[in-house]
């Protein structure tokens, strides 16, 4: 299979968790590609995620919101071989408290990008989505054609964006690919998410707020494996197309919490049950055989090794997360957990 030529790449949301890891991964492996990185730098976007990049002279950052059509058009006019679209509001808890921002960014922002990709004939539009669009699956595994059953404003907004991308593929013949990945973990993840919240709280001997009975199941993929899958799709996959990306590492949330405590030599008494989140999906499980069979990609990092690498990074990067947790994050979550824990975080 002949690889797609990508000499100029536009990445949206490239200062966030997965986006910044992808930027770092791509630049380390493609020293002949110009990468333009667009990010609005909302609370979870962080320029410190982009420090010490490999081949940094190939990287250009633009502070820009994806709902700013005029600003984006100045970039699209200059041309690009492909767009990798990460930019999104992603935290389920926040979507429950304020859905409007999720609709604006995830739906309207995606529609604006699709329009510009069509207008300026982008070679490939890679829309990065989530397994949450499928909703809870009690048994078995969800394939790419599985019907959508989103449960939260977040997953509903991502499902809407997916459907828009599919409509542009069909109606306008836009060369686009949608990927739906399982739960990511790894360096630079904003510490409102499960793994970094539990690691950083445990390091400070603070409560680990576990929703409900802790038996919700997720498939955990180390972020560099996700980046490798996206690279493979970007270079090799035909468009239009849809691919699930997973790791086959299904674990209950309480198991992950206990593993973190064990590795950090902290008592499991830190695990503090709190009232369950409204509409909390019980189980996600992806069938990702398509990407393995068609493109030859498979995950390389098992959960045992990945979580150790993750913990090591957070131990060594205390300044990075301490600055976040002592600022906006603390103010936001002090109110959120007040009734649940009776204490701040």
C-alpha atoms as a PDB file:
ATOM      1  CA  UNK A   1       0.000   0.000   0.000  1.00  0.00           C
ATOM      2  CA  UNK A   2       1.415   3.375  -1.047  1.00  0.00           C
ATOM      3  CA  UNK A   3       1.653   5.848   1.797  1.00  0.00           C
ATOM      4  CA  UNK A   4      -0.106   9.200   1.647  1.00  0.00           C
ATOM      5  CA  UNK A   5       2.234  12.164   1.156  1.00  0.00           C
ATOM      6  CA  UNK A   6       1.965  14.601   4.086  1.00  0.00           C
ATOM      7  CA  UNK A   7       4.362  17.531   3.861  1.00  0.00           C
ATOM      8  CA  UNK A   8       2.089  20.081   5.501  1.00  0.00           C
ATOM      9  CA  UNK A   9      -0.152  19.086   8.395  1.00  0.00           C
ATOM     10  CA  UNK A  10      -2.733  21.168  10.269  1.00  0.00           C
ATOM     11  CA  UNK A  11      -3.540  20.017  13.806  1.00  0.00           C
ATOM     12  CA  UNK A  12      -6.399  21.479  15.849  1.00  0.00           C
ATOM     13  CA  UNK A  13      -6.294  21.267  19.644  1.00  0.00           C
ATOM     14  CA  UNK A  14      -2.584  20.523  19.585  1.00  0.00           C
ATOM     15  CA  UNK A  15      -1.889  22.065  23.014  1.00  0.00           C
ATOM     16  CA  UNK A  16      -4.226  19.680  24.808  1.00  0.00           C
ATOM     17  CA  UNK A  17      -3.494  16.216  26.150  1.00  0.00           C
ATOM     18  CA  UNK A  18      -3.815  13.908  23.142  1.00  0.00           C
ATOM     19  CA  UNK A  19      -3.126  16.676  20.640  1.00  0.00           C
ATOM     20  CA  UNK A  20       0.200  17.702  22.198  1.00  0.00           C
ATOM     21  CA  UNK A  21       1.288  14.072  22.466  1.00  0.00           C
ATOM     22  CA  UNK A  22       0.448  13.612  18.790  1.00  0.00           C
ATOM     23  CA  UNK A  23       2.369  16.764  17.805  1.00  0.00           C
ATOM     24  CA  UNK A  24       5.390  15.514  19.745  1.00  0.00           C
ATOM     25  CA  UNK A  25       5.061  12.004  18.275  1.00  0.00           C
ATOM     26  CA  UNK A  26       4.624  13.218  14.685  1.00  0.00           C
ATOM     27  CA  UNK A  27       7.519  15.699  14.766  1.00  0.00           C
ATOM     28  CA  UNK A  28       9.826  13.034  16.206  1.00  0.00           C
ATOM     29  CA  UNK A  29       9.126  10.807  13.204  1.00  0.00           C
ATOM     30  CA  UNK A  30       8.642  13.260  10.307  1.00  0.00           C
ATOM     31  CA  UNK A  31      11.425  15.811   9.999  1.00  0.00           C
ATOM     32  CA  UNK A  32      10.346  16.822   6.485  1.00  0.00           C
ATOM     33  CA  UNK A  33       6.805  17.920   7.417  1.00  0.00           C
ATOM     34  CA  UNK A  34       5.613  21.401   8.372  1.00  0.00           C
ATOM     35  CA  UNK A  35       3.098  21.208  11.234  1.00  0.00           C
ATOM     36  CA  UNK A  36       0.707  24.076  11.994  1.00  0.00           C
ATOM     37  CA  UNK A  37      -0.854  23.768  15.436  1.00  0.00           C
ATOM     38  CA  UNK A  38      -4.088  25.642  16.228  1.00  0.00           C
ATOM     39  CA  UNK A  39      -5.434  25.810  19.792  1.00  0.00           C
ATOM     40  CA  UNK A  40      -7.701  28.249  21.641  1.00  0.00           C
ATOM     41  CA  UNK A  41      -5.787  27.668  24.906  1.00  0.00           C
ATOM     42  CA  UNK A  42      -8.886  27.197  27.013  1.00  0.00           C
ATOM     43  CA  UNK A  43      -8.410  25.855  30.550  1.00  0.00           C
ATOM     44  CA  UNK A  44      -7.048  22.487  29.354  1.00  0.00           C
ATOM     45  CA  UNK A  45      -4.788  23.865  26.627  1.00  0.00           C
ATOM     46  CA  UNK A  46      -1.268  24.512  27.859  1.00  0.00           C
ATOM     47  CA  UNK A  47       1.728  25.837  25.955  1.00  0.00           C
ATOM     48  CA  UNK A  48       3.961  24.043  28.461  1.00  0.00           C
ATOM     49  CA  UNK A  49       2.757  20.823  26.834  1.00  0.00           C
ATOM     50  CA  UNK A  50       4.692  21.942  23.755  1.00  0.00           C
ATOM     51  CA  UNK A  51       8.035  22.722  25.356  1.00  0.00           C
ATOM     52  CA  UNK A  52      11.179  20.969  24.048  1.00  0.00           C
ATOM     53  CA  UNK A  53       9.507  19.598  20.926  1.00  0.00           C
ATOM     54  CA  UNK A  54      11.626  17.550  18.524  1.00  0.00           C
ATOM     55  CA  UNK A  55      12.176  19.347  15.208  1.00  0.00           C
ATOM     56  CA  UNK A  56      10.659  22.454  16.782  1.00  0.00           C
ATOM     57  CA  UNK A  57      11.592  24.525  13.717  1.00  0.00           C
ATOM     58  CA  UNK A  58       8.949  22.518  11.833  1.00  0.00           C
ATOM     59  CA  UNK A  59       6.228  23.514  14.311  1.00  0.00           C
ATOM     60  CA  UNK A  60       4.155  26.713  14.151  1.00  0.00           C
ATOM     61  CA  UNK A  61       1.622  27.544  16.849  1.00  0.00           C
ATOM     62  CA  UNK A  62      -1.434  29.762  16.311  1.00  0.00           C
ATOM     63  CA  UNK A  63      -3.751  30.754  19.163  1.00  0.00           C
ATOM     64  CA  UNK A  64      -7.129  30.405  17.501  1.00  0.00           C
ATOM     65  CA  UNK A  65     -10.604  29.119  18.356  1.00  0.00           C
ATOM     66  CA  UNK A  66     -12.058  26.644  15.861  1.00  0.00           C
ATOM     67  CA  UNK A  67     -15.315  28.620  15.850  1.00  0.00           C
ATOM     68  CA  UNK A  68     -13.391  31.594  14.386  1.00  0.00           C
ATOM     69  CA  UNK A  69     -14.071  30.939  10.712  1.00  0.00           C
ATOM     70  CA  UNK A  70     -12.274  34.042   9.439  1.00  0.00           C
ATOM     71  CA  UNK A  71      -9.159  33.339  11.469  1.00  0.00           C
ATOM     72  CA  UNK A  72      -9.077  29.721  10.355  1.00  0.00           C
ATOM     73  CA  UNK A  73      -9.550  30.664   6.716  1.00  0.00           C
ATOM     74  CA  UNK A  74      -6.244  32.564   6.705  1.00  0.00           C
ATOM     75  CA  UNK A  75      -4.565  29.273   7.572  1.00  0.00           C
ATOM     76  CA  UNK A  76      -6.555  27.050   5.207  1.00  0.00           C
ATOM     77  CA  UNK A  77      -5.818  29.441   2.320  1.00  0.00           C
ATOM     78  CA  UNK A  78      -2.148  28.539   2.596  1.00  0.00           C
ATOM     79  CA  UNK A  79      -2.981  24.894   1.939  1.00  0.00           C
ATOM     80  CA  UNK A  80      -2.400  21.654   3.818  1.00  0.00           C
ATOM     81  CA  UNK A  81      -2.163  18.015   2.867  1.00  0.00           C
ATOM     82  CA  UNK A  82      -4.203  16.888   5.870  1.00  0.00           C
ATOM     83  CA  UNK A  83      -6.045  18.092   8.966  1.00  0.00           C
ATOM     84  CA  UNK A  84      -6.047  16.160  12.241  1.00  0.00           C
ATOM     85  CA  UNK A  85      -8.938  17.493  14.307  1.00  0.00           C
ATOM     86  CA  UNK A  86      -8.525  17.015  18.074  1.00  0.00           C
ATOM     87  CA  UNK A  87      -9.960  20.321  19.313  1.00  0.00           C
ATOM     88  CA  UNK A  88     -12.930  19.641  21.586  1.00  0.00           C
ATOM     89  CA  UNK A  89     -14.475  20.118  24.967  1.00  0.00           C
ATOM     90  CA  UNK A  90     -14.076  16.643  26.462  1.00  0.00           C
ATOM     91  CA  UNK A  91     -14.901  16.391  30.154  1.00  0.00           C
ATOM     92  CA  UNK A  92     -18.242  14.705  30.852  1.00  0.00           C
ATOM     93  CA  UNK A  93     -18.686  16.345  34.268  1.00  0.00           C
ATOM     94  CA  UNK A  94     -18.282  19.800  32.765  1.00  0.00           C
ATOM     95  CA  UNK A  95     -20.756  18.972  29.998  1.00  0.00           C
ATOM     96  CA  UNK A  96     -23.377  18.147  32.624  1.00  0.00           C
ATOM     97  CA  UNK A  97     -22.826  21.493  34.324  1.00  0.00           C
ATOM     98  CA  UNK A  98     -22.721  23.514  31.086  1.00  0.00           C
ATOM     99  CA  UNK A  99     -23.628  21.830  27.773  1.00  0.00           C
ATOM    100  CA  UNK A 100     -23.565  24.989  25.639  1.00  0.00           C
ATOM    101  CA  UNK A 101     -19.774  25.210  25.349  1.00  0.00           C
ATOM    102  CA  UNK A 102     -19.706  21.597  24.126  1.00  0.00           C
ATOM    103  CA  UNK A 103     -22.223  22.264  21.385  1.00  0.00           C
ATOM    104  CA  UNK A 104     -20.367  25.396  20.272  1.00  0.00           C
ATOM    105  CA  UNK A 105     -16.924  23.824  20.076  1.00  0.00           C
ATOM    106  CA  UNK A 106     -17.645  20.202  19.227  1.00  0.00           C
ATOM    107  CA  UNK A 107     -20.488  20.730  16.752  1.00  0.00           C
ATOM    108  CA  UNK A 108     -20.244  24.263  15.343  1.00  0.00           C
ATOM    109  CA  UNK A 109     -16.444  24.221  15.405  1.00  0.00           C
ATOM    110  CA  UNK A 110     -16.325  20.907  13.546  1.00  0.00           C
ATOM    111  CA  UNK A 111     -18.836  22.169  10.960  1.00  0.00           C
ATOM    112  CA  UNK A 112     -16.658  25.250  10.298  1.00  0.00           C
ATOM    113  CA  UNK A 113     -13.577  23.067   9.841  1.00  0.00           C
ATOM    114  CA  UNK A 114     -15.418  20.722   7.495  1.00  0.00           C
ATOM    115  CA  UNK A 115     -16.569  23.655   5.376  1.00  0.00           C
ATOM    116  CA  UNK A 116     -13.044  25.034   5.115  1.00  0.00           C
ATOM    117  CA  UNK A 117     -11.557  21.612   4.358  1.00  0.00           C
ATOM    118  CA  UNK A 118     -14.069  21.269   1.531  1.00  0.00           C
ATOM    119  CA  UNK A 119     -13.533  24.808   0.214  1.00  0.00           C
ATOM    120  CA  UNK A 120      -9.752  24.525   0.137  1.00  0.00           C
ATOM    121  CA  UNK A 121      -9.630  20.889  -1.004  1.00  0.00           C
ATOM    122  CA  UNK A 122      -7.711  19.415   1.915  1.00  0.00           C
ATOM    123  CA  UNK A 123      -6.311  16.010   0.986  1.00  0.00           C
ATOM    124  CA  UNK A 124      -7.606  14.298   4.146  1.00  0.00           C
ATOM    125  CA  UNK A 125      -9.708  15.399   7.110  1.00  0.00           C
ATOM    126  CA  UNK A 126      -9.082  13.143  10.121  1.00  0.00           C
ATOM    127  CA  UNK A 127     -11.784  13.642  12.747  1.00  0.00           C
ATOM    128  CA  UNK A 128     -10.739  12.307  16.165  1.00  0.00           C
ATOM    129  CA  UNK A 129     -13.805  11.109  18.068  1.00  0.00           C
ATOM    130  CA  UNK A 130     -14.554   8.824  21.026  1.00  0.00           C
ATOM    131  CA  UNK A 131     -15.997   5.433  21.936  1.00  0.00           C
ATOM    132  CA  UNK A 132     -18.524   7.302  24.107  1.00  0.00           C
ATOM    133  CA  UNK A 133     -20.718   7.985  21.061  1.00  0.00           C
ATOM    134  CA  UNK A 134     -21.785   4.324  21.193  1.00  0.00           C
ATOM    135  CA  UNK A 135     -23.037   4.658  24.754  1.00  0.00           C
ATOM    136  CA  UNK A 136     -22.925   1.887  27.303  1.00  0.00           C
ATOM    137  CA  UNK A 137     -22.531  -1.651  25.965  1.00  0.00           C
ATOM    138  CA  UNK A 138     -23.461  -4.267  28.557  1.00  0.00           C
ATOM    139  CA  UNK A 139     -21.826  -7.146  26.733  1.00  0.00           C
ATOM    140  CA  UNK A 140     -19.794  -7.758  23.605  1.00  0.00           C
ATOM    141  CA  UNK A 141     -17.868  -5.145  21.621  1.00  0.00           C
ATOM    142  CA  UNK A 142     -18.947  -2.212  19.470  1.00  0.00           C
ATOM    143  CA  UNK A 143     -18.017  -2.222  15.796  1.00  0.00           C
ATOM    144  CA  UNK A 144     -17.764   0.859  13.599  1.00  0.00           C
ATOM    145  CA  UNK A 145     -21.350   0.442  12.367  1.00  0.00           C
ATOM    146  CA  UNK A 146     -22.849   0.170  15.849  1.00  0.00           C
ATOM    147  CA  UNK A 147     -25.738   2.636  16.431  1.00  0.00           C
ATOM    148  CA  UNK A 148     -25.113   5.763  18.492  1.00  0.00           C
ATOM    149  CA  UNK A 149     -26.551   5.932  22.022  1.00  0.00           C
ATOM    150  CA  UNK A 150     -24.791   8.882  23.676  1.00  0.00           C
ATOM    151  CA  UNK A 151     -25.599   9.469  27.336  1.00  0.00           C
ATOM    152  CA  UNK A 152     -24.037  12.841  28.191  1.00  0.00           C
ATOM    153  CA  UNK A 153     -24.022  16.262  26.529  1.00  0.00           C
ATOM    154  CA  UNK A 154     -20.349  15.603  25.765  1.00  0.00           C
ATOM    155  CA  UNK A 155     -20.893  12.310  23.956  1.00  0.00           C
ATOM    156  CA  UNK A 156     -23.993  13.691  22.219  1.00  0.00           C
ATOM    157  CA  UNK A 157     -21.966  16.622  20.892  1.00  0.00           C
ATOM    158  CA  UNK A 158     -19.264  14.268  19.610  1.00  0.00           C
ATOM    159  CA  UNK A 159     -21.898  12.034  18.010  1.00  0.00           C
ATOM    160  CA  UNK A 160     -23.321  15.092  16.256  1.00  0.00           C
ATOM    161  CA  UNK A 161     -19.857  16.000  14.986  1.00  0.00           C
ATOM    162  CA  UNK A 162     -19.371  12.427  13.731  1.00  0.00           C
ATOM    163  CA  UNK A 163     -22.659  12.586  11.848  1.00  0.00           C
ATOM    164  CA  UNK A 164     -21.698  15.908  10.299  1.00  0.00           C
ATOM    165  CA  UNK A 165     -18.411  14.425   9.107  1.00  0.00           C
ATOM    166  CA  UNK A 166     -20.258  11.439   7.651  1.00  0.00           C
ATOM    167  CA  UNK A 167     -22.688  13.785   5.892  1.00  0.00           C
ATOM    168  CA  UNK A 168     -19.808  15.716   4.304  1.00  0.00           C
ATOM    169  CA  UNK A 169     -18.273  12.421   3.177  1.00  0.00           C
ATOM    170  CA  UNK A 170     -21.520  11.377   1.522  1.00  0.00           C
ATOM    171  CA  UNK A 171     -22.966  14.632   0.202  1.00  0.00           C
ATOM    172  CA  UNK A 172     -19.803  16.532  -0.729  1.00  0.00           C
ATOM    173  CA  UNK A 173     -17.435  13.573  -1.166  1.00  0.00           C
ATOM    174  CA  UNK A 174     -15.034  15.080   1.360  1.00  0.00           C
ATOM    175  CA  UNK A 175     -12.063  12.747   1.878  1.00  0.00           C
ATOM    176  CA  UNK A 176     -12.499  12.238   5.618  1.00  0.00           C
ATOM    177  CA  UNK A 177     -11.830   9.535   8.183  1.00  0.00           C
ATOM    178  CA  UNK A 178     -13.394   9.262  11.646  1.00  0.00           C
ATOM    179  CA  UNK A 179     -11.583   7.548  14.504  1.00  0.00           C
ATOM    180  CA  UNK A 180     -13.216   6.501  17.773  1.00  0.00           C
ATOM    181  CA  UNK A 181     -10.763   5.745  20.532  1.00  0.00           C
ATOM    182  CA  UNK A 182     -11.101   4.302  24.025  1.00  0.00           C
ATOM    183  CA  UNK A 183      -9.919   5.985  27.256  1.00  0.00           C
ATOM    184  CA  UNK A 184      -6.468   7.535  26.891  1.00  0.00           C
ATOM    185  CA  UNK A 185      -3.970   8.014  29.700  1.00  0.00           C
ATOM    186  CA  UNK A 186      -0.391   9.264  29.795  1.00  0.00           C
ATOM    187  CA  UNK A 187       1.761  12.417  30.111  1.00  0.00           C
ATOM    188  CA  UNK A 188       0.221  15.901  29.984  1.00  0.00           C
ATOM    189  CA  UNK A 189      -3.337  14.778  30.763  1.00  0.00           C
ATOM    190  CA  UNK A 190      -5.247  17.538  32.534  1.00  0.00           C
ATOM    191  CA  UNK A 191      -5.750  16.484  36.169  1.00  0.00           C
ATOM    192  CA  UNK A 192      -9.528  16.543  36.133  1.00  0.00           C
ATOM    193  CA  UNK A 193      -9.540  13.189  34.337  1.00  0.00           C
ATOM    194  CA  UNK A 194      -9.635   9.912  36.243  1.00  0.00           C
ATOM    195  CA  UNK A 195      -6.037   8.668  36.035  1.00  0.00           C
ATOM    196  CA  UNK A 196      -4.141  11.930  36.608  1.00  0.00           C
ATOM    197  CA  UNK A 197      -6.619  13.026  39.290  1.00  0.00           C
ATOM    198  CA  UNK A 198      -6.109   9.803  41.227  1.00  0.00           C
ATOM    199  CA  UNK A 199      -2.329   9.811  40.763  1.00  0.00           C
ATOM    200  CA  UNK A 200      -1.866  13.423  41.841  1.00  0.00           C
ATOM    201  CA  UNK A 201      -4.326  13.187  44.727  1.00  0.00           C
ATOM    202  CA  UNK A 202      -2.662   9.993  45.955  1.00  0.00           C
ATOM    203  CA  UNK A 203       0.745  11.661  45.806  1.00  0.00           C
ATOM    204  CA  UNK A 204      -0.649  14.318  48.155  1.00  0.00           C
ATOM    205  CA  UNK A 205      -2.526  11.810  50.348  1.00  0.00           C
ATOM    206  CA  UNK A 206      -5.850  13.319  49.349  1.00  0.00           C
ATOM    207  CA  UNK A 207      -9.141  11.473  48.728  1.00  0.00           C
ATOM    208  CA  UNK A 208      -9.630   9.612  45.453  1.00  0.00           C
ATOM    209  CA  UNK A 209     -13.292  10.346  44.585  1.00  0.00           C
ATOM    210  CA  UNK A 210     -14.670   7.185  42.971  1.00  0.00           C
ATOM    211  CA  UNK A 211     -18.095   7.387  41.378  1.00  0.00           C
ATOM    212  CA  UNK A 212     -20.763   4.919  42.517  1.00  0.00           C
ATOM    213  CA  UNK A 213     -19.637   1.358  43.123  1.00  0.00           C
ATOM    214  CA  UNK A 214     -16.526   1.802  40.979  1.00  0.00           C
ATOM    215  CA  UNK A 215     -17.444  -1.068  38.685  1.00  0.00           C
ATOM    216  CA  UNK A 216     -17.779   0.977  35.495  1.00  0.00           C
ATOM    217  CA  UNK A 217     -15.585  -0.628  32.838  1.00  0.00           C
ATOM    218  CA  UNK A 218     -13.297   1.204  30.409  1.00  0.00           C
ATOM    219  CA  UNK A 219     -10.694   0.130  27.841  1.00  0.00           C
ATOM    220  CA  UNK A 220      -7.435   1.932  28.665  1.00  0.00           C
ATOM    221  CA  UNK A 221      -4.983   2.876  25.898  1.00  0.00           C
ATOM    222  CA  UNK A 222      -1.637   4.575  26.433  1.00  0.00           C
ATOM    223  CA  UNK A 223      -1.616   7.848  24.524  1.00  0.00           C
ATOM    224  CA  UNK A 224       1.403   7.054  22.339  1.00  0.00           C
ATOM    225  CA  UNK A 225      -0.381   3.949  21.039  1.00  0.00           C
ATOM    226  CA  UNK A 226      -3.286   6.188  20.028  1.00  0.00           C
ATOM    227  CA  UNK A 227      -0.829   8.544  18.305  1.00  0.00           C
ATOM    228  CA  UNK A 228       0.711   5.632  16.424  1.00  0.00           C
ATOM    229  CA  UNK A 229      -2.727   4.508  15.281  1.00  0.00           C
ATOM    230  CA  UNK A 230      -3.542   7.985  13.995  1.00  0.00           C
ATOM    231  CA  UNK A 231      -0.222   8.135  12.155  1.00  0.00           C
ATOM    232  CA  UNK A 232      -0.960   4.782  10.526  1.00  0.00           C
ATOM    233  CA  UNK A 233      -4.427   5.920   9.460  1.00  0.00           C
ATOM    234  CA  UNK A 234      -3.147   9.260   8.212  1.00  0.00           C
ATOM    235  CA  UNK A 235      -0.522   7.635   6.023  1.00  0.00           C
ATOM    236  CA  UNK A 236      -2.209   4.430   4.894  1.00  0.00           C
ATOM    237  CA  UNK A 237      -6.019   4.454   5.176  1.00  0.00           C
ATOM    238  CA  UNK A 238      -8.398   5.113   2.320  1.00  0.00           C
ATOM    239  CA  UNK A 239     -11.076   7.768   2.710  1.00  0.00           C
ATOM    240  CA  UNK A 240     -13.939   7.909   3.463  1.00  0.00           C
ATOM    241  CA  UNK A 241     -13.620   5.538   6.387  1.00  0.00           C
ATOM    242  CA  UNK A 242     -14.193   4.930  10.101  1.00  0.00           C
ATOM    243  CA  UNK A 243     -11.883   3.133  12.532  1.00  0.00           C
ATOM    244  CA  UNK A 244     -12.215   2.128  16.165  1.00  0.00           C
ATOM    245  CA  UNK A 245      -8.971   2.363  18.183  1.00  0.00           C
ATOM    246  CA  UNK A 246      -8.616   0.378  21.390  1.00  0.00           C
ATOM    247  CA  UNK A 247      -6.154  -1.568  23.512  1.00  0.00           C
ATOM    248  CA  UNK A 248      -8.169  -4.507  24.835  1.00  0.00           C
ATOM    249  CA  UNK A 249      -7.310  -3.444  28.399  1.00  0.00           C
ATOM    250  CA  UNK A 250     -10.777  -3.518  29.981  1.00  0.00           C
ATOM    251  CA  UNK A 251     -10.688  -2.659  33.664  1.00  0.00           C
ATOM    252  CA  UNK A 252     -13.149  -1.530  36.316  1.00  0.00           C
ATOM    253  CA  UNK A 253     -12.508   1.942  37.679  1.00  0.00           C
ATOM    254  CA  UNK A 254     -12.003   0.545  41.172  1.00  0.00           C
ATOM    255  CA  UNK A 255      -9.312  -1.803  39.817  1.00  0.00           C
ATOM    256  CA  UNK A 256      -7.435   1.130  38.304  1.00  0.00           C
ATOM    257  CA  UNK A 257      -7.721   3.049  41.579  1.00  0.00           C
ATOM    258  CA  UNK A 258      -6.338   0.089  43.533  1.00  0.00           C
ATOM    259  CA  UNK A 259      -3.451  -0.361  41.075  1.00  0.00           C
ATOM    260  CA  UNK A 260      -2.505   3.311  41.442  1.00  0.00           C
ATOM    261  CA  UNK A 261      -2.565   3.013  45.234  1.00  0.00           C
ATOM    262  CA  UNK A 262      -0.458  -0.141  45.141  1.00  0.00           C
ATOM    263  CA  UNK A 263       2.188   1.323  42.825  1.00  0.00           C
ATOM    264  CA  UNK A 264       2.419   4.499  44.882  1.00  0.00           C
ATOM    265  CA  UNK A 265       2.412   2.519  48.143  1.00  0.00           C
ATOM    266  CA  UNK A 266      -0.649   4.392  49.361  1.00  0.00           C
ATOM    267  CA  UNK A 267      -3.519   2.904  51.396  1.00  0.00           C
ATOM    268  CA  UNK A 268      -6.678   1.997  49.506  1.00  0.00           C
ATOM    269  CA  UNK A 269      -8.543   3.840  52.251  1.00  0.00           C
ATOM    270  CA  UNK A 270      -7.856   6.953  50.151  1.00  0.00           C
ATOM    271  CA  UNK A 271     -10.450   5.634  47.689  1.00  0.00           C
ATOM    272  CA  UNK A 272     -13.576   7.559  48.644  1.00  0.00           C
ATOM    273  CA  UNK A 273     -16.948   6.535  47.133  1.00  0.00           C
ATOM    274  CA  UNK A 274     -19.020   9.525  45.983  1.00  0.00           C
ATOM    275  CA  UNK A 275     -22.538   9.674  44.487  1.00  0.00           C
ATOM    276  CA  UNK A 276     -22.576   8.445  40.915  1.00  0.00           C
ATOM    277  CA  UNK A 277     -22.532  10.840  37.985  1.00  0.00           C
ATOM    278  CA  UNK A 278     -25.881  11.328  36.204  1.00  0.00           C
ATOM    279  CA  UNK A 279     -26.179   9.065  33.149  1.00  0.00           C
ATOM    280  CA  UNK A 280     -22.878   7.330  33.913  1.00  0.00           C
ATOM    281  CA  UNK A 281     -22.242   4.696  31.219  1.00  0.00           C
ATOM    282  CA  UNK A 282     -21.521   1.284  32.715  1.00  0.00           C
ATOM    283  CA  UNK A 283     -19.211  -0.238  30.137  1.00  0.00           C
ATOM    284  CA  UNK A 284     -17.329   0.688  26.969  1.00  0.00           C
ATOM    285  CA  UNK A 285     -15.694  -2.013  24.862  1.00  0.00           C
ATOM    286  CA  UNK A 286     -14.483  -1.535  21.297  1.00  0.00           C
ATOM    287  CA  UNK A 287     -13.977  -4.046  18.538  1.00  0.00           C
ATOM    288  CA  UNK A 288     -10.866  -2.616  16.871  1.00  0.00           C
ATOM    289  CA  UNK A 289     -10.140  -5.580  14.602  1.00  0.00           C
ATOM    290  CA  UNK A 290     -10.668  -3.443  11.487  1.00  0.00           C
ATOM    291  CA  UNK A 291      -7.587  -1.270  12.001  1.00  0.00           C
ATOM    292  CA  UNK A 292      -5.522  -4.337  12.899  1.00  0.00           C
ATOM    293  CA  UNK A 293      -6.646  -6.353   9.880  1.00  0.00           C
ATOM    294  CA  UNK A 294      -6.654  -3.573   7.278  1.00  0.00           C
ATOM    295  CA  UNK A 295      -3.684  -1.445   8.364  1.00  0.00           C
ATOM    296  CA  UNK A 296      -1.596  -3.739  10.563  1.00  0.00           C
ATOM    297  CA  UNK A 297      -1.692  -1.494  13.627  1.00  0.00           C
ATOM    298  CA  UNK A 298      -1.891  -2.922  17.127  1.00  0.00           C
ATOM    299  CA  UNK A 299      -1.221  -1.462  20.599  1.00  0.00           C
ATOM    300  CA  UNK A 300       2.269  -1.974  22.019  1.00  0.00           C
ATOM    301  CA  UNK A 301       1.930  -0.753  25.613  1.00  0.00           C
ATOM    302  CA  UNK A 302       0.075  -2.989  28.055  1.00  0.00           C
ATOM    303  CA  UNK A 303      -1.669  -1.392  31.014  1.00  0.00           C
ATOM    304  CA  UNK A 304       0.819  -2.673  33.594  1.00  0.00           C
ATOM    305  CA  UNK A 305       3.729  -0.945  31.825  1.00  0.00           C
ATOM    306  CA  UNK A 306       1.709   2.081  30.739  1.00  0.00           C
ATOM    307  CA  UNK A 307       0.420   2.993  34.176  1.00  0.00           C
ATOM    308  CA  UNK A 308       3.945   2.710  35.613  1.00  0.00           C
ATOM    309  CA  UNK A 309       5.244   5.058  32.910  1.00  0.00           C
ATOM    310  CA  UNK A 310       2.339   7.390  33.567  1.00  0.00           C
ATOM    311  CA  UNK A 311       2.926   7.485  37.330  1.00  0.00           C
ATOM    312  CA  UNK A 312       6.646   8.082  36.794  1.00  0.00           C
ATOM    313  CA  UNK A 313       5.881  11.078  34.563  1.00  0.00           C
ATOM    314  CA  UNK A 314       3.531  12.678  37.110  1.00  0.00           C
ATOM    315  CA  UNK A 315       6.041  12.144  39.914  1.00  0.00           C
ATOM    316  CA  UNK A 316       8.741  13.830  37.829  1.00  0.00           C
ATOM    317  CA  UNK A 317       6.396  16.588  36.601  1.00  0.00           C
ATOM    318  CA  UNK A 318       4.964  17.846  39.888  1.00  0.00           C
ATOM    319  CA  UNK A 319       5.598  21.472  38.934  1.00  0.00           C
ATOM    320  CA  UNK A 320       3.467  21.044  35.798  1.00  0.00           C
ATOM    321  CA  UNK A 321       0.394  19.651  37.565  1.00  0.00           C
ATOM    322  CA  UNK A 322       0.829  21.557  40.809  1.00  0.00           C
ATOM    323  CA  UNK A 323       0.488  24.864  38.953  1.00  0.00           C
ATOM    324  CA  UNK A 324      -2.747  23.618  37.391  1.00  0.00           C
ATOM    325  CA  UNK A 325      -4.259  22.199  40.577  1.00  0.00           C
ATOM    326  CA  UNK A 326      -3.413  25.299  42.620  1.00  0.00           C
ATOM    327  CA  UNK A 327      -5.215  27.567  40.153  1.00  0.00           C
ATOM    328  CA  UNK A 328      -8.328  27.304  37.996  1.00  0.00           C
ATOM    329  CA  UNK A 329      -8.749  23.605  38.595  1.00  0.00           C
ATOM    330  CA  UNK A 330      -8.940  23.962  42.378  1.00  0.00           C
ATOM    331  CA  UNK A 331     -11.508  26.767  42.172  1.00  0.00           C
ATOM    332  CA  UNK A 332     -13.703  24.755  39.823  1.00  0.00           C
ATOM    333  CA  UNK A 333     -13.611  21.468  41.711  1.00  0.00           C
ATOM    334  CA  UNK A 334     -13.784  22.857  45.214  1.00  0.00           C
ATOM    335  CA  UNK A 335     -17.454  23.581  44.541  1.00  0.00           C
ATOM    336  CA  UNK A 336     -18.022  20.381  42.524  1.00  0.00           C
ATOM    337  CA  UNK A 337     -16.822  18.048  45.288  1.00  0.00           C
ATOM    338  CA  UNK A 338     -17.977  20.063  48.297  1.00  0.00           C
ATOM    339  CA  UNK A 339     -21.094  18.003  48.959  1.00  0.00           C
ATOM    340  CA  UNK A 340     -19.516  14.731  47.872  1.00  0.00           C
ATOM    341  CA  UNK A 341     -16.336  14.788  49.908  1.00  0.00           C
ATOM    342  CA  UNK A 342     -16.973  17.468  52.490  1.00  0.00           C
ATOM    343  CA  UNK A 343     -13.530  18.825  51.660  1.00  0.00           C
ATOM    344  CA  UNK A 344     -11.585  20.429  48.849  1.00  0.00           C
ATOM    345  CA  UNK A 345      -9.069  18.607  46.687  1.00  0.00           C
END
